[in-house]
N, C-alpha and C. Protein backbone atom coordinates (compact mmCIF):
# COMPACT_ATOMS: atom_id res chain seq x y z
N MET A 1 0.88 -1.11 0.10
CA MET A 1 -0.23 0.27 -0.03
C MET A 1 0.79 1.35 -0.23
N GLN A 2 1.78 0.76 -0.30
CA GLN A 2 3.03 2.21 -0.48
C GLN A 2 2.80 3.10 0.60
N ASN A 3 2.57 4.29 1.04
CA ASN A 3 2.46 4.96 1.89
C ASN A 3 1.79 5.26 2.87
N TYR A 4 0.87 3.67 2.86
CA TYR A 4 0.04 3.99 4.24
C TYR A 4 0.16 2.40 4.69
N CYS A 5 0.07 2.35 6.07
CA CYS A 5 0.33 1.37 6.87
C CYS A 5 -1.12 0.60 7.67
N ILE A 6 -1.19 -0.52 8.09
CA ILE A 6 -2.35 -0.51 8.59
C ILE A 6 -2.27 -1.21 9.64
N ILE A 7 -2.73 -0.51 10.84
CA ILE A 7 -2.21 -1.31 12.42
C ILE A 7 -3.05 -1.97 13.19
N HIS A 8 -2.74 -3.01 13.22
CA HIS A 8 -3.89 -3.91 13.84
C HIS A 8 -3.51 -3.81 15.45
N THR A 9 -4.71 -3.45 15.88
CA THR A 9 -4.64 -3.66 17.25
C THR A 9 -5.78 -4.63 17.92
N PRO A 10 -6.14 -4.84 19.16
CA PRO A 10 -6.78 -5.79 20.00
C PRO A 10 -8.13 -5.51 19.34
N ALA A 11 -8.42 -3.95 19.37
CA ALA A 11 -9.75 -3.30 19.34
C ALA A 11 -10.37 -3.25 17.55
N ARG A 12 -9.32 -2.49 17.20
CA ARG A 12 -9.69 -2.44 15.76
C ARG A 12 -8.20 -2.28 14.70
N LYS A 13 -8.72 -2.06 13.42
CA LYS A 13 -7.72 -2.09 12.69
C LYS A 13 -7.37 -0.53 11.69
N LEU A 14 -6.59 -0.07 12.03
CA LEU A 14 -6.24 1.63 11.71
C LEU A 14 -5.41 1.47 9.99
N ILE A 15 -5.82 2.84 9.49
CA ILE A 15 -5.09 2.99 8.18
C ILE A 15 -4.41 4.09 8.30
N CYS A 16 -3.41 4.35 8.17
CA CYS A 16 -2.34 5.51 8.35
C CYS A 16 -1.58 5.67 7.44
N TYR A 17 -1.73 6.98 7.19
CA TYR A 17 -0.62 7.73 5.86
C TYR A 17 0.70 7.53 6.24
N ILE A 18 1.72 6.67 6.14
CA ILE A 18 2.78 6.83 6.54
C ILE A 18 3.55 5.74 6.25
N THR A 19 4.69 5.69 5.92
CA THR A 19 5.88 4.49 5.74
C THR A 19 6.05 3.83 6.29
N LEU A 20 6.16 2.53 6.45
CA LEU A 20 6.41 1.30 7.62
C LEU A 20 8.01 2.16 7.94
N THR A 21 8.61 2.46 7.37
CA THR A 21 10.15 2.96 7.88
C THR A 21 9.48 4.09 8.89
N ALA A 22 9.00 5.10 8.26
CA ALA A 22 9.03 6.32 9.43
C ALA A 22 8.16 6.01 10.50
N MET A 23 7.09 4.35 10.35
CA MET A 23 6.54 4.03 11.64
C MET A 23 7.42 3.55 12.27
N LEU A 24 8.33 2.74 12.07
CA LEU A 24 9.13 1.96 12.61
C LEU A 24 10.13 2.86 13.40
N GLU A 25 10.32 4.37 13.25
CA GLU A 25 11.09 5.17 14.01
C GLU A 25 10.58 5.50 14.78
N LYS A 26 9.48 5.72 14.99
CA LYS A 26 8.40 6.36 15.64
C LYS A 26 8.22 5.22 16.95
N LEU A 27 8.34 3.86 16.99
CA LEU A 27 7.90 3.04 17.79
C LEU A 27 9.61 2.47 18.77
N PRO A 28 9.37 2.21 19.79
CA PRO A 28 10.11 1.39 20.72
C PRO A 28 10.65 0.66 20.50
N ALA A 29 12.35 0.83 20.44
CA ALA A 29 12.86 -0.72 19.33
C ALA A 29 12.90 -1.67 20.03
N ASP A 30 13.08 -1.43 21.73
CA ASP A 30 13.01 -2.61 22.44
C ASP A 30 11.39 -3.67 22.56
N ARG A 31 10.63 -2.90 21.61
CA ARG A 31 9.06 -3.56 21.86
C ARG A 31 8.90 -3.95 20.67
N PHE A 32 9.30 -3.20 19.55
CA PHE A 32 8.40 -3.75 18.14
C PHE A 32 9.49 -4.15 17.32
N MET A 33 9.60 -4.56 16.17
CA MET A 33 10.85 -5.35 15.19
C MET A 33 10.12 -5.32 14.02
N LYS A 34 10.69 -4.88 13.30
CA LYS A 34 10.75 -5.33 11.70
C LYS A 34 11.17 -6.88 11.28
N VAL A 35 10.13 -7.92 10.96
CA VAL A 35 10.16 -8.97 10.57
C VAL A 35 10.22 -9.53 9.42
N HIS A 36 9.99 -8.41 8.77
CA HIS A 36 9.89 -8.93 7.30
C HIS A 36 8.91 -7.27 6.51
N LYS A 37 9.56 -6.86 4.73
CA LYS A 37 9.65 -6.06 4.44
C LYS A 37 7.80 -4.97 4.77
N SER A 38 7.01 -6.32 4.74
CA SER A 38 5.26 -5.54 4.80
C SER A 38 5.21 -5.44 6.45
N TYR A 39 6.03 -6.25 7.23
CA TYR A 39 5.70 -6.41 8.79
C TYR A 39 6.30 -6.36 9.69
N VAL A 40 5.71 -5.01 10.79
CA VAL A 40 5.95 -5.03 11.80
C VAL A 40 5.37 -4.67 13.61
N VAL A 41 6.28 -6.45 13.76
CA VAL A 41 5.40 -6.54 15.21
C VAL A 41 5.68 -6.39 16.39
N ALA A 42 4.84 -6.15 17.82
CA ALA A 42 4.93 -6.34 19.13
C ALA A 42 5.49 -7.21 19.45
N LEU A 43 6.88 -7.32 20.07
CA LEU A 43 7.34 -8.45 20.33
C LEU A 43 6.44 -9.44 21.74
N GLU A 44 6.04 -8.46 22.34
CA GLU A 44 5.27 -8.72 23.09
C GLU A 44 4.10 -9.66 23.14
N ARG A 45 3.70 -9.60 22.06
CA ARG A 45 1.96 -10.16 21.53
C ARG A 45 2.70 -11.49 20.56
N VAL A 46 3.90 -11.57 20.59
CA VAL A 46 4.49 -13.07 19.91
C VAL A 46 4.52 -14.36 20.95
N SER A 47 3.38 -15.71 20.44
CA SER A 47 3.00 -16.48 20.85
C SER A 47 3.79 -17.20 20.18
N ARG A 48 4.44 -17.79 19.71
CA ARG A 48 5.03 -18.86 18.79
C ARG A 48 5.46 -18.42 17.75
N LEU A 49 6.68 -19.01 17.62
CA LEU A 49 7.69 -18.90 16.32
C LEU A 49 8.26 -20.26 15.85
N THR A 50 8.03 -19.92 14.41
CA THR A 50 8.58 -20.91 13.61
C THR A 50 9.86 -20.77 12.94
N GLY A 51 10.38 -21.30 12.23
CA GLY A 51 11.57 -20.95 11.35
C GLY A 51 11.12 -20.39 10.22
N THR A 52 9.93 -19.95 9.97
CA THR A 52 9.57 -19.14 9.05
C THR A 52 8.21 -18.08 8.93
N SER A 53 7.81 -18.45 10.17
CA SER A 53 6.55 -17.32 10.57
C SER A 53 6.52 -17.51 11.94
N LEU A 54 5.85 -16.69 12.46
CA LEU A 54 5.50 -16.38 13.85
C LEU A 54 3.95 -15.93 13.90
N GLN A 55 3.76 -16.34 15.22
CA GLN A 55 1.89 -16.03 15.26
C GLN A 55 1.83 -15.15 16.69
N ILE A 56 0.86 -14.68 16.47
CA ILE A 56 -0.15 -13.51 17.19
C ILE A 56 -1.27 -14.12 16.88
N GLU A 57 -2.19 -14.36 18.34
CA GLU A 57 -3.10 -14.68 18.21
C GLU A 57 -3.51 -15.82 17.08
N SER A 58 -4.22 -15.48 16.18
CA SER A 58 -5.33 -15.85 14.90
C SER A 58 -4.20 -16.08 14.19
N HIS A 59 -3.54 -15.10 13.94
CA HIS A 59 -2.44 -14.38 12.42
C HIS A 59 -1.07 -15.07 12.75
N THR A 60 -0.90 -15.60 11.57
CA THR A 60 0.46 -16.16 10.87
C THR A 60 1.32 -15.22 10.45
N ILE A 61 2.37 -14.35 10.87
CA ILE A 61 3.44 -13.62 9.94
C ILE A 61 5.01 -13.99 9.81
N PRO A 62 4.87 -13.96 8.60
CA PRO A 62 6.14 -14.38 8.00
C PRO A 62 7.50 -13.54 8.45
N ILE A 63 8.18 -14.43 8.06
CA ILE A 63 9.79 -13.65 8.51
C ILE A 63 10.24 -14.00 7.32
N SER A 64 11.37 -13.02 6.89
CA SER A 64 11.93 -12.95 5.57
C SER A 64 13.29 -13.48 5.94
N ARG A 65 13.87 -13.91 5.16
CA ARG A 65 14.98 -14.58 5.50
C ARG A 65 16.11 -13.35 5.88
N THR A 66 15.88 -12.22 5.48
CA THR A 66 16.59 -11.32 6.01
C THR A 66 16.94 -11.15 7.37
N HIS A 67 15.66 -10.87 7.60
CA HIS A 67 15.66 -10.71 9.40
C HIS A 67 15.48 -12.13 10.32
N ARG A 68 15.68 -13.11 9.58
CA ARG A 68 15.45 -14.73 10.33
C ARG A 68 16.33 -14.49 11.61
N ASN A 69 17.65 -14.65 11.21
CA ASN A 69 18.60 -14.46 12.49
C ASN A 69 17.87 -13.67 13.83
N GLU A 70 17.68 -12.42 13.09
CA GLU A 70 18.33 -11.35 14.18
C GLU A 70 16.42 -11.82 14.89
N VAL A 71 15.35 -12.01 14.40
CA VAL A 71 14.28 -12.15 14.65
C VAL A 71 13.99 -13.57 15.60
N THR A 72 14.68 -14.22 15.27
CA THR A 72 14.78 -15.89 16.20
C THR A 72 15.25 -15.41 17.25
N ALA A 73 16.67 -14.80 16.92
CA ALA A 73 17.58 -14.10 18.55
C ALA A 73 16.62 -13.67 19.57
N ARG A 74 15.69 -12.64 18.94
CA ARG A 74 14.97 -11.57 19.75
C ARG A 74 14.14 -12.29 20.28
N ILE A 75 12.72 -13.20 19.66
CA ILE A 75 11.62 -13.58 20.27
C ILE A 75 12.21 -14.63 21.28
N ALA A 76 12.75 -15.67 20.63
CA ALA A 76 13.38 -16.96 20.98
C ALA A 76 13.61 -16.64 22.53
N ASN A 77 14.51 -15.49 22.45
CA ASN A 77 14.80 -15.26 24.17
C ASN A 77 13.93 -14.66 24.70
N ARG A 78 12.94 -13.65 24.40
CA ARG A 78 11.94 -13.16 24.97
C ARG A 78 11.14 -14.44 25.30
N LEU A 79 10.96 -15.17 24.55
CA LEU A 79 9.94 -16.64 24.68
C LEU A 79 10.17 -17.54 25.73
N LEU A 80 11.42 -17.86 25.87
CA LEU A 80 11.96 -18.64 26.65
C LEU A 80 11.58 -18.00 28.27
N PHE A 81 12.20 -16.52 28.35
CA PHE A 81 12.11 -15.82 29.61
C PHE A 81 10.75 -15.34 30.03
N LYS A 82 10.02 -15.53 29.45
CA LYS A 82 8.66 -15.23 29.81
C LYS A 82 7.81 -16.38 30.35
N ARG A 83 8.11 -17.54 30.73
CA ARG A 83 7.66 -18.05 31.36
C ARG A 83 8.23 -18.38 32.58
């Protein structure tokens, strides 16, 4: 969607006129992470991680090969210490 972002919250879905890169710059880096060219996720909302995707509630989000190592390290570490 070029310069538009769709933000999914537990309550609703918002469409904002902002690039994903600009949105990512405004979000706290310790709580949010880019996992794919089209997706930024809230790390605390991730419930499951596989080699190529992650799960947030009923949504499956792909992880790009470019981001896979960093995503795996950050999310696996967060999931391990969450318990």
